[in-house]
Amino acid sequence: MRGQPETVDDLVRVLLNAGFVRCDSAVCGCGSWHHRYGYPERMREIKEMLEGAGHPLTNANGNLLRNALAELIAERERLRKRGDMVPMLVIVQGAVIVNCAAVARGYGDCLLLHVDLLSKYAAVDYVGSDSDGVPIVYLTTTERTFNVDETKPMDMQTVIAFPEQKGWRIFAATVERYTLALVLLAPGGKTVA
C-alpha cells in the first residue's frame, strides 16, 4: 500500500472503501465481510412483489415494509374467513411449489382465481381438463424460476386441479411473479368476441 507492511486497520479501510461491511447477521453469523450492495436489490424486489400483490409502499402505510406486509397478511386472512379460498389439489408435486388458491373476482359465468405460488417466475405449460372434466394446470420452471422444491428435478412439472370447478373450462392462464391467474368459464358460459 505505502511500501510498508499493511496493518489490520489499513485492510479494514480497504474493505470499507470497496463497499464491504462486517457480517453481523444472526442468520449468517460468519463474522466475515459481505458486499453491501446486494441489499438494495433485495429491497427493490420486495417492493415490487408488494406492489404486484396490491400493497405498494405508500404514505398511507408510512412507506414501511412491516405495515405493507401486515396489510397483505390481513387481506389473506380476510379471504380465508370469507370462504373465498378454493380447494386445489396437487396431483403431481414437481419443482414449482404452490400454496393456495382464492377467488379474486367473479362475474356471472366467469371466475378469476389467483393461485399463490411459493416459486417465483414459474410458467404455465398446459391447461385443460382431466377425464372427469376437472380443470387442471401444468406448471413448469423457466431459467429465472427460484424457490423451487430442490428434491425434484427442475424440469418436473407440477400439476394442480380444481375439483370444485368440475365442468368449468380454463379460458386464460398466466403467471406473474408469485401468482398464477386463471380465468375459468362456467359450463355453458360464453366468451365475448
N, C-alpha and C. Protein backbone atom coordinates (compact mmCIF):
# COMPACT_ATOMS: atom_id res chain seq x y z
N MET A 1 0.82 -1.20 0.00
CA MET A 1 0.00 0.00 0.00
C MET A 1 0.87 1.26 0.00
N ARG A 2 1.66 1.44 1.03
CA ARG A 2 2.54 2.60 1.07
C ARG A 2 4.00 2.16 1.11
N GLY A 3 4.25 0.94 0.70
CA GLY A 3 5.60 0.41 0.78
C GLY A 3 5.94 -0.09 2.17
N GLN A 4 4.96 -0.05 3.07
CA GLN A 4 5.14 -0.54 4.43
C GLN A 4 4.21 -1.73 4.64
N PRO A 5 4.50 -2.56 5.63
CA PRO A 5 3.57 -3.65 5.92
C PRO A 5 2.20 -3.08 6.31
N GLU A 6 1.14 -3.68 5.72
CA GLU A 6 -0.21 -3.21 6.00
C GLU A 6 -0.62 -3.62 7.39
N THR A 7 -1.39 -2.77 8.04
CA THR A 7 -1.95 -3.10 9.34
C THR A 7 -3.37 -3.60 9.13
N VAL A 8 -3.94 -4.16 10.15
CA VAL A 8 -5.33 -4.63 10.09
C VAL A 8 -6.24 -3.44 9.80
N ASP A 9 -5.95 -2.29 10.42
CA ASP A 9 -6.78 -1.10 10.17
C ASP A 9 -6.73 -0.68 8.70
N ASP A 10 -5.55 -0.78 8.08
CA ASP A 10 -5.42 -0.44 6.66
C ASP A 10 -6.28 -1.36 5.81
N LEU A 11 -6.25 -2.65 6.11
CA LEU A 11 -7.02 -3.63 5.34
C LEU A 11 -8.52 -3.43 5.56
N VAL A 12 -8.90 -3.09 6.78
CA VAL A 12 -10.31 -2.83 7.07
C VAL A 12 -10.78 -1.63 6.27
N ARG A 13 -9.99 -0.58 6.20
CA ARG A 13 -10.34 0.61 5.40
C ARG A 13 -10.50 0.25 3.92
N VAL A 14 -9.63 -0.61 3.41
CA VAL A 14 -9.73 -1.04 2.01
C VAL A 14 -11.08 -1.73 1.79
N LEU A 15 -11.45 -2.63 2.68
CA LEU A 15 -12.73 -3.33 2.54
C LEU A 15 -13.91 -2.36 2.63
N LEU A 16 -13.88 -1.47 3.59
CA LEU A 16 -14.97 -0.50 3.74
C LEU A 16 -15.08 0.40 2.52
N ASN A 17 -13.96 0.87 2.01
CA ASN A 17 -13.98 1.73 0.83
C ASN A 17 -14.47 1.00 -0.42
N ALA A 18 -14.32 -0.31 -0.45
CA ALA A 18 -14.77 -1.11 -1.59
C ALA A 18 -16.22 -1.55 -1.46
N GLY A 19 -16.91 -1.08 -0.39
CA GLY A 19 -18.33 -1.40 -0.25
C GLY A 19 -18.64 -2.64 0.55
N PHE A 20 -17.70 -3.12 1.34
CA PHE A 20 -17.94 -4.29 2.17
C PHE A 20 -18.31 -3.86 3.58
N VAL A 21 -19.06 -4.70 4.26
CA VAL A 21 -19.40 -4.48 5.67
C VAL A 21 -19.17 -5.77 6.42
N ARG A 22 -18.85 -5.64 7.72
CA ARG A 22 -18.64 -6.82 8.54
C ARG A 22 -19.98 -7.51 8.77
N CYS A 23 -20.01 -8.82 8.67
CA CYS A 23 -21.24 -9.59 8.84
C CYS A 23 -21.66 -9.54 10.30
N ASP A 24 -22.87 -9.01 10.52
CA ASP A 24 -23.43 -9.02 11.87
C ASP A 24 -24.79 -9.71 11.88
N SER A 25 -25.05 -10.47 10.84
CA SER A 25 -26.33 -11.17 10.71
C SER A 25 -26.36 -12.40 11.61
N ALA A 26 -27.42 -12.49 12.41
CA ALA A 26 -27.58 -13.67 13.26
C ALA A 26 -27.84 -14.91 12.41
N VAL A 27 -28.41 -14.72 11.24
CA VAL A 27 -28.69 -15.86 10.36
C VAL A 27 -27.41 -16.42 9.78
N CYS A 28 -26.53 -15.54 9.30
CA CYS A 28 -25.28 -15.98 8.68
C CYS A 28 -24.25 -16.30 9.76
N GLY A 29 -23.96 -15.29 10.57
CA GLY A 29 -23.07 -15.49 11.71
C GLY A 29 -21.64 -15.86 11.34
N CYS A 30 -21.19 -15.53 10.14
CA CYS A 30 -19.86 -15.96 9.74
C CYS A 30 -18.76 -15.05 10.31
N GLY A 31 -19.14 -13.81 10.68
CA GLY A 31 -18.15 -12.89 11.23
C GLY A 31 -17.19 -12.35 10.19
N SER A 32 -17.41 -12.67 8.94
CA SER A 32 -16.52 -12.23 7.86
C SER A 32 -17.06 -10.93 7.27
N TRP A 33 -16.81 -10.71 5.99
CA TRP A 33 -17.24 -9.49 5.31
C TRP A 33 -18.15 -9.84 4.14
N HIS A 34 -19.17 -9.00 3.91
CA HIS A 34 -20.10 -9.17 2.79
C HIS A 34 -20.19 -7.86 2.03
N HIS A 35 -20.38 -7.97 0.72
CA HIS A 35 -20.59 -6.78 -0.09
C HIS A 35 -21.98 -6.25 0.21
N ARG A 36 -22.12 -5.00 0.52
CA ARG A 36 -23.40 -4.45 0.99
C ARG A 36 -24.36 -4.12 -0.14
N TYR A 37 -23.91 -4.16 -1.39
CA TYR A 37 -24.78 -3.70 -2.46
C TYR A 37 -25.83 -4.72 -2.87
N GLY A 38 -25.88 -5.89 -2.29
CA GLY A 38 -26.96 -6.82 -2.55
C GLY A 38 -28.25 -6.39 -1.87
N TYR A 39 -28.12 -5.62 -0.81
CA TYR A 39 -29.29 -5.19 -0.03
C TYR A 39 -30.28 -4.37 -0.85
N PRO A 40 -29.85 -3.34 -1.58
CA PRO A 40 -30.83 -2.56 -2.35
C PRO A 40 -31.59 -3.41 -3.37
N GLU A 41 -30.91 -4.37 -3.98
CA GLU A 41 -31.59 -5.22 -4.96
C GLU A 41 -32.67 -6.06 -4.29
N ARG A 42 -32.39 -6.60 -3.10
CA ARG A 42 -33.40 -7.38 -2.39
C ARG A 42 -34.57 -6.50 -1.99
N MET A 43 -34.28 -5.29 -1.51
CA MET A 43 -35.34 -4.38 -1.12
C MET A 43 -36.21 -4.00 -2.32
N ARG A 44 -35.58 -3.74 -3.46
CA ARG A 44 -36.33 -3.40 -4.67
C ARG A 44 -37.24 -4.57 -5.06
N GLU A 45 -36.72 -5.79 -4.96
CA GLU A 45 -37.52 -6.96 -5.29
C GLU A 45 -38.72 -7.09 -4.34
N ILE A 46 -38.50 -6.88 -3.05
CA ILE A 46 -39.59 -6.95 -2.08
C ILE A 46 -40.64 -5.89 -2.38
N LYS A 47 -40.19 -4.66 -2.68
CA LYS A 47 -41.13 -3.58 -3.02
C LYS A 47 -41.95 -3.93 -4.25
N GLU A 48 -41.30 -4.50 -5.27
CA GLU A 48 -42.01 -4.90 -6.49
C GLU A 48 -43.04 -5.99 -6.20
N MET A 49 -42.67 -6.96 -5.36
CA MET A 49 -43.61 -8.03 -5.02
C MET A 49 -44.82 -7.48 -4.27
N LEU A 50 -44.58 -6.56 -3.32
CA LEU A 50 -45.69 -5.96 -2.59
C LEU A 50 -46.59 -5.17 -3.53
N GLU A 51 -45.99 -4.43 -4.46
CA GLU A 51 -46.78 -3.67 -5.42
C GLU A 51 -47.60 -4.60 -6.30
N GLY A 52 -46.98 -5.70 -6.75
CA GLY A 52 -47.68 -6.68 -7.57
C GLY A 52 -48.84 -7.34 -6.83
N ALA A 53 -48.72 -7.42 -5.51
CA ALA A 53 -49.78 -8.02 -4.69
C ALA A 53 -50.83 -7.00 -4.29
N GLY A 54 -50.68 -5.75 -4.78
CA GLY A 54 -51.66 -4.72 -4.47
C GLY A 54 -51.40 -3.97 -3.19
N HIS A 55 -50.21 -4.07 -2.65
CA HIS A 55 -49.86 -3.40 -1.39
C HIS A 55 -48.53 -2.66 -1.53
N PRO A 56 -48.51 -1.64 -2.38
CA PRO A 56 -47.24 -0.90 -2.56
C PRO A 56 -46.91 -0.07 -1.33
N LEU A 57 -45.65 0.28 -1.20
CA LEU A 57 -45.24 1.18 -0.13
C LEU A 57 -45.71 2.58 -0.49
N THR A 58 -46.55 3.16 0.36
CA THR A 58 -47.11 4.49 0.11
C THR A 58 -47.10 5.28 1.41
N ASN A 59 -47.52 6.54 1.31
CA ASN A 59 -47.65 7.35 2.52
C ASN A 59 -48.71 6.78 3.46
N ALA A 60 -49.72 6.12 2.90
CA ALA A 60 -50.80 5.56 3.72
C ALA A 60 -50.28 4.50 4.70
N ASN A 61 -49.27 3.74 4.30
CA ASN A 61 -48.71 2.74 5.23
C ASN A 61 -47.35 3.19 5.77
N GLY A 62 -47.08 4.48 5.64
CA GLY A 62 -45.84 5.03 6.19
C GLY A 62 -44.60 4.61 5.44
N ASN A 63 -44.76 4.06 4.23
CA ASN A 63 -43.63 3.55 3.45
C ASN A 63 -42.82 2.52 4.22
N LEU A 64 -43.49 1.78 5.08
CA LEU A 64 -42.80 0.78 5.91
C LEU A 64 -43.17 -0.62 5.44
N LEU A 65 -42.14 -1.44 5.26
CA LEU A 65 -42.37 -2.83 4.83
C LEU A 65 -43.29 -3.56 5.79
N ARG A 66 -43.04 -3.41 7.08
CA ARG A 66 -43.84 -4.17 8.06
C ARG A 66 -45.32 -3.83 7.95
N ASN A 67 -45.66 -2.56 7.65
CA ASN A 67 -47.06 -2.18 7.50
C ASN A 67 -47.67 -2.77 6.23
N ALA A 68 -46.91 -2.72 5.13
CA ALA A 68 -47.41 -3.29 3.88
C ALA A 68 -47.59 -4.80 4.00
N LEU A 69 -46.63 -5.47 4.65
CA LEU A 69 -46.75 -6.91 4.86
C LEU A 69 -47.93 -7.23 5.77
N ALA A 70 -48.14 -6.42 6.80
CA ALA A 70 -49.28 -6.65 7.70
C ALA A 70 -50.59 -6.52 6.94
N GLU A 71 -50.68 -5.54 6.02
CA GLU A 71 -51.88 -5.39 5.20
C GLU A 71 -52.09 -6.60 4.30
N LEU A 72 -51.01 -7.10 3.71
CA LEU A 72 -51.10 -8.27 2.83
C LEU A 72 -51.55 -9.50 3.61
N ILE A 73 -50.99 -9.70 4.78
CA ILE A 73 -51.38 -10.85 5.62
C ILE A 73 -52.83 -10.70 6.06
N ALA A 74 -53.23 -9.50 6.43
CA ALA A 74 -54.62 -9.27 6.84
C ALA A 74 -55.58 -9.56 5.69
N GLU A 75 -55.19 -9.16 4.46
CA GLU A 75 -56.03 -9.45 3.29
C GLU A 75 -56.18 -10.95 3.10
N ARG A 76 -55.06 -11.69 3.22
CA ARG A 76 -55.13 -13.15 3.09
C ARG A 76 -56.06 -13.75 4.13
N GLU A 77 -55.98 -13.26 5.37
CA GLU A 77 -56.84 -13.79 6.43
C GLU A 77 -58.31 -13.46 6.18
N ARG A 78 -58.57 -12.24 5.65
CA ARG A 78 -59.96 -11.89 5.31
C ARG A 78 -60.51 -12.83 4.25
N LEU A 79 -59.70 -13.12 3.23
CA LEU A 79 -60.13 -14.04 2.19
C LEU A 79 -60.43 -15.41 2.77
N ARG A 80 -59.57 -15.87 3.64
CA ARG A 80 -59.78 -17.18 4.25
C ARG A 80 -61.07 -17.21 5.06
N LYS A 81 -61.34 -16.16 5.82
CA LYS A 81 -62.54 -16.10 6.66
C LYS A 81 -63.80 -15.96 5.82
N ARG A 82 -63.71 -15.25 4.68
CA ARG A 82 -64.87 -15.09 3.82
C ARG A 82 -65.23 -16.38 3.10
N GLY A 83 -64.35 -17.33 3.12
CA GLY A 83 -64.62 -18.58 2.44
C GLY A 83 -64.31 -18.53 0.96
N ASP A 84 -63.54 -17.54 0.54
CA ASP A 84 -63.20 -17.40 -0.87
C ASP A 84 -62.04 -18.30 -1.29
N MET A 85 -61.50 -19.06 -0.36
CA MET A 85 -60.43 -19.98 -0.70
C MET A 85 -61.03 -21.10 -1.55
N VAL A 86 -60.30 -21.51 -2.55
CA VAL A 86 -60.78 -22.53 -3.48
C VAL A 86 -59.97 -23.81 -3.25
N PRO A 87 -60.66 -24.93 -3.03
CA PRO A 87 -59.90 -26.18 -2.89
C PRO A 87 -59.08 -26.47 -4.13
N MET A 88 -57.84 -26.77 -3.91
CA MET A 88 -56.91 -27.06 -5.00
C MET A 88 -56.20 -28.35 -4.65
N LEU A 89 -56.07 -29.21 -5.61
CA LEU A 89 -55.42 -30.50 -5.41
C LEU A 89 -54.12 -30.53 -6.18
N VAL A 90 -53.03 -30.84 -5.49
CA VAL A 90 -51.75 -31.01 -6.17
C VAL A 90 -51.67 -32.47 -6.58
N ILE A 91 -51.80 -32.71 -7.88
CA ILE A 91 -51.79 -34.08 -8.39
C ILE A 91 -50.35 -34.60 -8.47
N VAL A 92 -49.46 -33.76 -8.97
CA VAL A 92 -48.04 -34.11 -9.07
C VAL A 92 -47.25 -32.93 -8.51
N GLN A 93 -46.42 -33.20 -7.50
CA GLN A 93 -45.56 -32.15 -6.97
C GLN A 93 -44.25 -32.17 -7.73
N GLY A 94 -44.10 -31.20 -8.63
CA GLY A 94 -42.85 -31.05 -9.37
C GLY A 94 -41.97 -30.02 -8.70
N ALA A 95 -41.16 -29.33 -9.48
CA ALA A 95 -40.24 -28.33 -8.94
C ALA A 95 -40.97 -27.08 -8.46
N VAL A 96 -42.05 -26.68 -9.15
CA VAL A 96 -42.79 -25.48 -8.76
C VAL A 96 -43.64 -25.79 -7.53
N ILE A 97 -43.55 -24.91 -6.52
CA ILE A 97 -44.29 -25.10 -5.28
C ILE A 97 -45.49 -24.16 -5.27
N VAL A 98 -46.69 -24.72 -5.03
CA VAL A 98 -47.91 -23.92 -4.95
C VAL A 98 -48.35 -23.84 -3.50
N ASN A 99 -49.07 -22.77 -3.18
CA ASN A 99 -49.50 -22.56 -1.80
C ASN A 99 -51.01 -22.75 -1.68
N CYS A 100 -51.80 -21.79 -2.17
CA CYS A 100 -53.25 -21.86 -2.04
C CYS A 100 -53.90 -21.10 -3.19
N ALA A 101 -55.21 -21.28 -3.34
CA ALA A 101 -55.96 -20.61 -4.40
C ALA A 101 -57.13 -19.87 -3.78
N ALA A 102 -57.44 -18.70 -4.35
CA ALA A 102 -58.56 -17.90 -3.86
C ALA A 102 -59.28 -17.26 -5.04
N VAL A 103 -60.57 -16.99 -4.84
CA VAL A 103 -61.35 -16.27 -5.84
C VAL A 103 -60.95 -14.81 -5.76
N ALA A 104 -60.46 -14.27 -6.87
CA ALA A 104 -60.12 -12.85 -6.92
C ALA A 104 -61.34 -12.03 -7.35
N ARG A 105 -62.08 -12.53 -8.33
CA ARG A 105 -63.28 -11.87 -8.84
C ARG A 105 -64.22 -12.93 -9.42
N GLY A 106 -65.49 -12.62 -9.40
CA GLY A 106 -66.48 -13.45 -10.04
C GLY A 106 -67.42 -12.58 -10.85
N TYR A 107 -67.68 -12.94 -12.09
CA TYR A 107 -68.56 -12.18 -12.97
C TYR A 107 -69.50 -13.15 -13.67
N GLY A 108 -70.60 -13.47 -13.05
CA GLY A 108 -71.56 -14.37 -13.67
C GLY A 108 -70.96 -15.72 -14.03
N ASP A 109 -70.79 -15.96 -15.33
CA ASP A 109 -70.25 -17.23 -15.81
C ASP A 109 -68.73 -17.27 -15.78
N CYS A 110 -68.11 -16.22 -15.28
CA CYS A 110 -66.65 -16.12 -15.32
C CYS A 110 -66.09 -16.00 -13.90
N LEU A 111 -64.97 -16.65 -13.67
CA LEU A 111 -64.34 -16.66 -12.36
C LEU A 111 -62.85 -16.41 -12.54
N LEU A 112 -62.30 -15.47 -11.77
CA LEU A 112 -60.87 -15.21 -11.78
C LEU A 112 -60.29 -15.79 -10.50
N LEU A 113 -59.40 -16.75 -10.64
CA LEU A 113 -58.73 -17.36 -9.49
C LEU A 113 -57.28 -16.88 -9.45
N HIS A 114 -56.80 -16.64 -8.25
CA HIS A 114 -55.38 -16.37 -8.05
C HIS A 114 -54.81 -17.53 -7.23
N VAL A 115 -53.77 -18.14 -7.76
CA VAL A 115 -53.08 -19.22 -7.07
C VAL A 115 -51.75 -18.65 -6.58
N ASP A 116 -51.57 -18.69 -5.28
CA ASP A 116 -50.33 -18.19 -4.68
C ASP A 116 -49.25 -19.24 -4.87
N LEU A 117 -48.14 -18.82 -5.47
CA LEU A 117 -47.01 -19.72 -5.70
C LEU A 117 -45.88 -19.37 -4.74
N LEU A 118 -45.25 -20.37 -4.18
CA LEU A 118 -44.06 -20.12 -3.38
C LEU A 118 -42.85 -19.98 -4.30
N SER A 119 -42.94 -20.53 -5.50
CA SER A 119 -41.88 -20.41 -6.51
C SER A 119 -42.11 -19.14 -7.31
N LYS A 120 -41.05 -18.41 -7.58
CA LYS A 120 -41.17 -17.18 -8.35
C LYS A 120 -40.78 -17.42 -9.80
N TYR A 121 -41.51 -16.77 -10.70
CA TYR A 121 -41.26 -16.82 -12.15
C TYR A 121 -41.42 -18.22 -12.73
N ALA A 122 -42.46 -18.92 -12.31
CA ALA A 122 -42.81 -20.20 -12.94
C ALA A 122 -43.53 -19.88 -14.26
N ALA A 123 -43.94 -20.90 -14.98
CA ALA A 123 -44.65 -20.71 -16.24
C ALA A 123 -45.74 -21.76 -16.38
N VAL A 124 -46.78 -21.40 -17.13
CA VAL A 124 -47.86 -22.34 -17.44
C VAL A 124 -47.43 -23.12 -18.67
N ASP A 125 -47.42 -24.44 -18.56
CA ASP A 125 -47.05 -25.28 -19.69
C ASP A 125 -48.28 -25.79 -20.44
N TYR A 126 -49.36 -26.08 -19.68
CA TYR A 126 -50.55 -26.64 -20.31
C TYR A 126 -51.74 -26.40 -19.39
N VAL A 127 -52.90 -26.12 -19.97
CA VAL A 127 -54.15 -26.06 -19.22
C VAL A 127 -55.16 -26.93 -19.94
N GLY A 128 -56.09 -27.49 -19.20
CA GLY A 128 -57.11 -28.33 -19.79
C GLY A 128 -57.99 -28.93 -18.71
N SER A 129 -58.49 -30.12 -18.97
CA SER A 129 -59.33 -30.83 -18.01
C SER A 129 -58.92 -32.29 -17.98
N ASP A 130 -59.19 -32.92 -16.84
CA ASP A 130 -58.94 -34.35 -16.78
C ASP A 130 -60.15 -35.09 -17.37
N SER A 131 -60.17 -36.41 -17.30
CA SER A 131 -61.24 -37.19 -17.93
C SER A 131 -62.60 -36.96 -17.26
N ASP A 132 -62.61 -36.41 -16.04
CA ASP A 132 -63.87 -36.12 -15.35
C ASP A 132 -64.32 -34.67 -15.54
N GLY A 133 -63.58 -33.90 -16.33
CA GLY A 133 -63.94 -32.51 -16.55
C GLY A 133 -63.43 -31.54 -15.49
N VAL A 134 -62.49 -31.99 -14.66
CA VAL A 134 -61.91 -31.13 -13.63
C VAL A 134 -60.78 -30.31 -14.26
N PRO A 135 -60.82 -28.97 -14.12
CA PRO A 135 -59.75 -28.14 -14.69
C PRO A 135 -58.39 -28.47 -14.08
N ILE A 136 -57.37 -28.58 -14.94
CA ILE A 136 -56.01 -28.86 -14.48
C ILE A 136 -55.04 -27.88 -15.13
N VAL A 137 -53.94 -27.65 -14.41
CA VAL A 137 -52.88 -26.76 -14.90
C VAL A 137 -51.55 -27.44 -14.68
N TYR A 138 -50.70 -27.42 -15.70
CA TYR A 138 -49.34 -27.92 -15.59
C TYR A 138 -48.41 -26.71 -15.47
N LEU A 139 -47.66 -26.65 -14.37
CA LEU A 139 -46.71 -25.56 -14.16
C LEU A 139 -45.30 -26.08 -14.33
N THR A 140 -44.46 -25.26 -14.92
CA THR A 140 -43.08 -25.65 -15.16
C THR A 140 -42.15 -24.51 -14.76
N THR A 141 -40.87 -24.80 -14.71
CA THR A 141 -39.88 -23.79 -14.36
C THR A 141 -39.35 -23.12 -15.62
N THR A 142 -38.75 -21.97 -15.45
CA THR A 142 -38.03 -21.27 -16.51
C THR A 142 -36.60 -21.09 -16.03
N GLU A 143 -35.77 -20.46 -16.84
CA GLU A 143 -34.40 -20.22 -16.40
C GLU A 143 -34.35 -19.21 -15.26
N ARG A 144 -35.44 -18.46 -15.04
CA ARG A 144 -35.48 -17.46 -13.97
C ARG A 144 -36.15 -17.96 -12.70
N THR A 145 -36.77 -19.13 -12.72
CA THR A 145 -37.53 -19.62 -11.58
C THR A 145 -36.62 -19.91 -10.39
N PHE A 146 -37.07 -19.46 -9.22
CA PHE A 146 -36.37 -19.85 -7.99
C PHE A 146 -37.38 -20.10 -6.89
N ASN A 147 -36.92 -20.50 -5.71
CA ASN A 147 -37.75 -21.01 -4.61
C ASN A 147 -38.50 -22.26 -5.08
N VAL A 148 -37.75 -23.25 -5.49
CA VAL A 148 -38.33 -24.48 -6.02
C VAL A 148 -38.14 -25.62 -5.02
N ASP A 149 -38.83 -26.72 -5.26
CA ASP A 149 -38.63 -27.93 -4.48
C ASP A 149 -37.35 -28.58 -4.97
N GLU A 150 -36.29 -28.43 -4.20
CA GLU A 150 -34.98 -28.90 -4.63
C GLU A 150 -34.84 -30.42 -4.61
N THR A 151 -35.85 -31.11 -4.06
CA THR A 151 -35.81 -32.58 -4.09
C THR A 151 -36.32 -33.12 -5.42
N LYS A 152 -36.86 -32.23 -6.27
CA LYS A 152 -37.41 -32.64 -7.57
C LYS A 152 -36.52 -32.10 -8.69
N PRO A 153 -36.50 -32.80 -9.83
CA PRO A 153 -35.76 -32.27 -10.99
C PRO A 153 -36.39 -30.95 -11.44
N MET A 154 -35.57 -30.01 -11.91
CA MET A 154 -36.07 -28.70 -12.34
C MET A 154 -37.08 -28.81 -13.49
N ASP A 155 -36.99 -29.85 -14.31
CA ASP A 155 -37.91 -29.97 -15.44
C ASP A 155 -39.16 -30.78 -15.10
N MET A 156 -39.31 -31.19 -13.83
CA MET A 156 -40.50 -31.94 -13.42
C MET A 156 -41.67 -30.98 -13.21
N GLN A 157 -42.76 -31.19 -13.96
CA GLN A 157 -43.92 -30.31 -13.89
C GLN A 157 -44.72 -30.55 -12.61
N THR A 158 -45.30 -29.46 -12.10
CA THR A 158 -46.27 -29.55 -11.02
C THR A 158 -47.65 -29.50 -11.66
N VAL A 159 -48.53 -30.42 -11.28
CA VAL A 159 -49.87 -30.49 -11.85
C VAL A 159 -50.88 -30.23 -10.73
N ILE A 160 -51.74 -29.23 -10.95
CA ILE A 160 -52.77 -28.90 -9.96
C ILE A 160 -54.14 -29.00 -10.60
N ALA A 161 -55.14 -29.30 -9.76
CA ALA A 161 -56.51 -29.46 -10.23
C ALA A 161 -57.46 -28.72 -9.29
N PHE A 162 -58.63 -28.37 -9.81
CA PHE A 162 -59.64 -27.64 -9.05
C PHE A 162 -60.94 -28.44 -9.06
N PRO A 163 -61.07 -29.41 -8.14
CA PRO A 163 -62.21 -30.34 -8.18
C PRO A 163 -63.57 -29.68 -8.02
N GLU A 164 -63.68 -28.58 -7.30
CA GLU A 164 -64.98 -27.93 -7.12
C GLU A 164 -65.43 -27.17 -8.36
N GLN A 165 -64.54 -26.98 -9.32
CA GLN A 165 -64.90 -26.31 -10.56
C GLN A 165 -65.10 -27.32 -11.69
N LYS A 166 -65.48 -28.53 -11.34
CA LYS A 166 -65.72 -29.58 -12.34
C LYS A 166 -66.70 -29.06 -13.40
N GLY A 167 -66.33 -29.25 -14.66
CA GLY A 167 -67.17 -28.79 -15.77
C GLY A 167 -66.79 -27.39 -16.26
N TRP A 168 -66.11 -26.63 -15.44
CA TRP A 168 -65.63 -25.31 -15.86
C TRP A 168 -64.43 -25.52 -16.77
N ARG A 169 -64.19 -24.56 -17.67
CA ARG A 169 -63.01 -24.67 -18.51
C ARG A 169 -62.11 -23.45 -18.31
N ILE A 170 -60.83 -23.69 -18.43
CA ILE A 170 -59.86 -22.60 -18.27
C ILE A 170 -59.78 -21.85 -19.58
N PHE A 171 -60.14 -20.58 -19.53
CA PHE A 171 -60.13 -19.72 -20.71
C PHE A 171 -58.77 -19.06 -20.90
N ALA A 172 -58.13 -18.67 -19.79
CA ALA A 172 -56.83 -18.00 -19.86
C ALA A 172 -56.04 -18.30 -18.60
N ALA A 173 -54.72 -18.32 -18.74
CA ALA A 173 -53.83 -18.57 -17.59
C ALA A 173 -52.52 -17.84 -17.82
N THR A 174 -52.02 -17.21 -16.78
CA THR A 174 -50.73 -16.54 -16.85
C THR A 174 -50.10 -16.50 -15.47
N VAL A 175 -48.78 -16.42 -15.45
CA VAL A 175 -48.05 -16.32 -14.18
C VAL A 175 -47.34 -14.97 -14.16
N GLU A 176 -47.49 -14.27 -13.06
CA GLU A 176 -46.78 -13.01 -12.83
C GLU A 176 -46.13 -13.12 -11.46
N ARG A 177 -44.84 -13.21 -11.45
CA ARG A 177 -44.03 -13.36 -10.24
C ARG A 177 -44.51 -14.57 -9.43
N TYR A 178 -45.19 -14.31 -8.31
CA TYR A 178 -45.62 -15.39 -7.41
C TYR A 178 -47.10 -15.76 -7.56
N THR A 179 -47.76 -15.30 -8.61
CA THR A 179 -49.20 -15.53 -8.74
C THR A 179 -49.55 -16.14 -10.08
N LEU A 180 -50.30 -17.22 -10.03
CA LEU A 180 -50.90 -17.81 -11.22
C LEU A 180 -52.32 -17.28 -11.29
N ALA A 181 -52.66 -16.57 -12.37
CA ALA A 181 -54.02 -16.06 -12.56
C ALA A 181 -54.72 -16.94 -13.58
N LEU A 182 -55.92 -17.39 -13.22
CA LEU A 182 -56.71 -18.26 -14.09
C LEU A 182 -58.09 -17.65 -14.30
N VAL A 183 -58.53 -17.62 -15.55
CA VAL A 183 -59.90 -17.22 -15.87
C VAL A 183 -60.64 -18.51 -16.24
N LEU A 184 -61.68 -18.82 -15.48
CA LEU A 184 -62.48 -20.02 -15.74
C LEU A 184 -63.87 -19.63 -16.21
N LEU A 185 -64.40 -20.39 -17.15
CA LEU A 185 -65.77 -20.18 -17.64
C LEU A 185 -66.65 -21.33 -17.15
N ALA A 186 -67.83 -20.97 -16.65
CA ALA A 186 -68.77 -21.96 -16.17
C ALA A 186 -69.26 -22.82 -17.32
N PRO A 187 -69.78 -24.01 -17.01
CA PRO A 187 -70.35 -24.85 -18.08
C PRO A 187 -71.42 -24.05 -18.82
N GLY A 188 -71.32 -23.97 -20.14
CA GLY A 188 -72.26 -23.21 -20.95
C GLY A 188 -71.95 -21.73 -21.01
N GLY A 189 -70.91 -21.30 -20.29
CA GLY A 189 -70.53 -19.89 -20.30
C GLY A 189 -69.98 -19.50 -21.65
N LYS A 190 -70.27 -18.28 -22.07
CA LYS A 190 -69.84 -17.81 -23.38
C LYS A 190 -68.80 -16.71 -23.22
N THR A 191 -67.91 -16.63 -24.18
CA THR A 191 -66.93 -15.55 -24.20
C THR A 191 -67.44 -14.45 -25.11
N VAL A 192 -67.01 -13.25 -24.86
CA VAL A 192 -67.39 -12.10 -25.69
C VAL A 192 -66.36 -11.98 -26.79
N ALA A 193 -66.81 -11.97 -28.04
CA ALA A 193 -65.89 -11.88 -29.18
C ALA A 193 -65.51 -10.46 -29.48
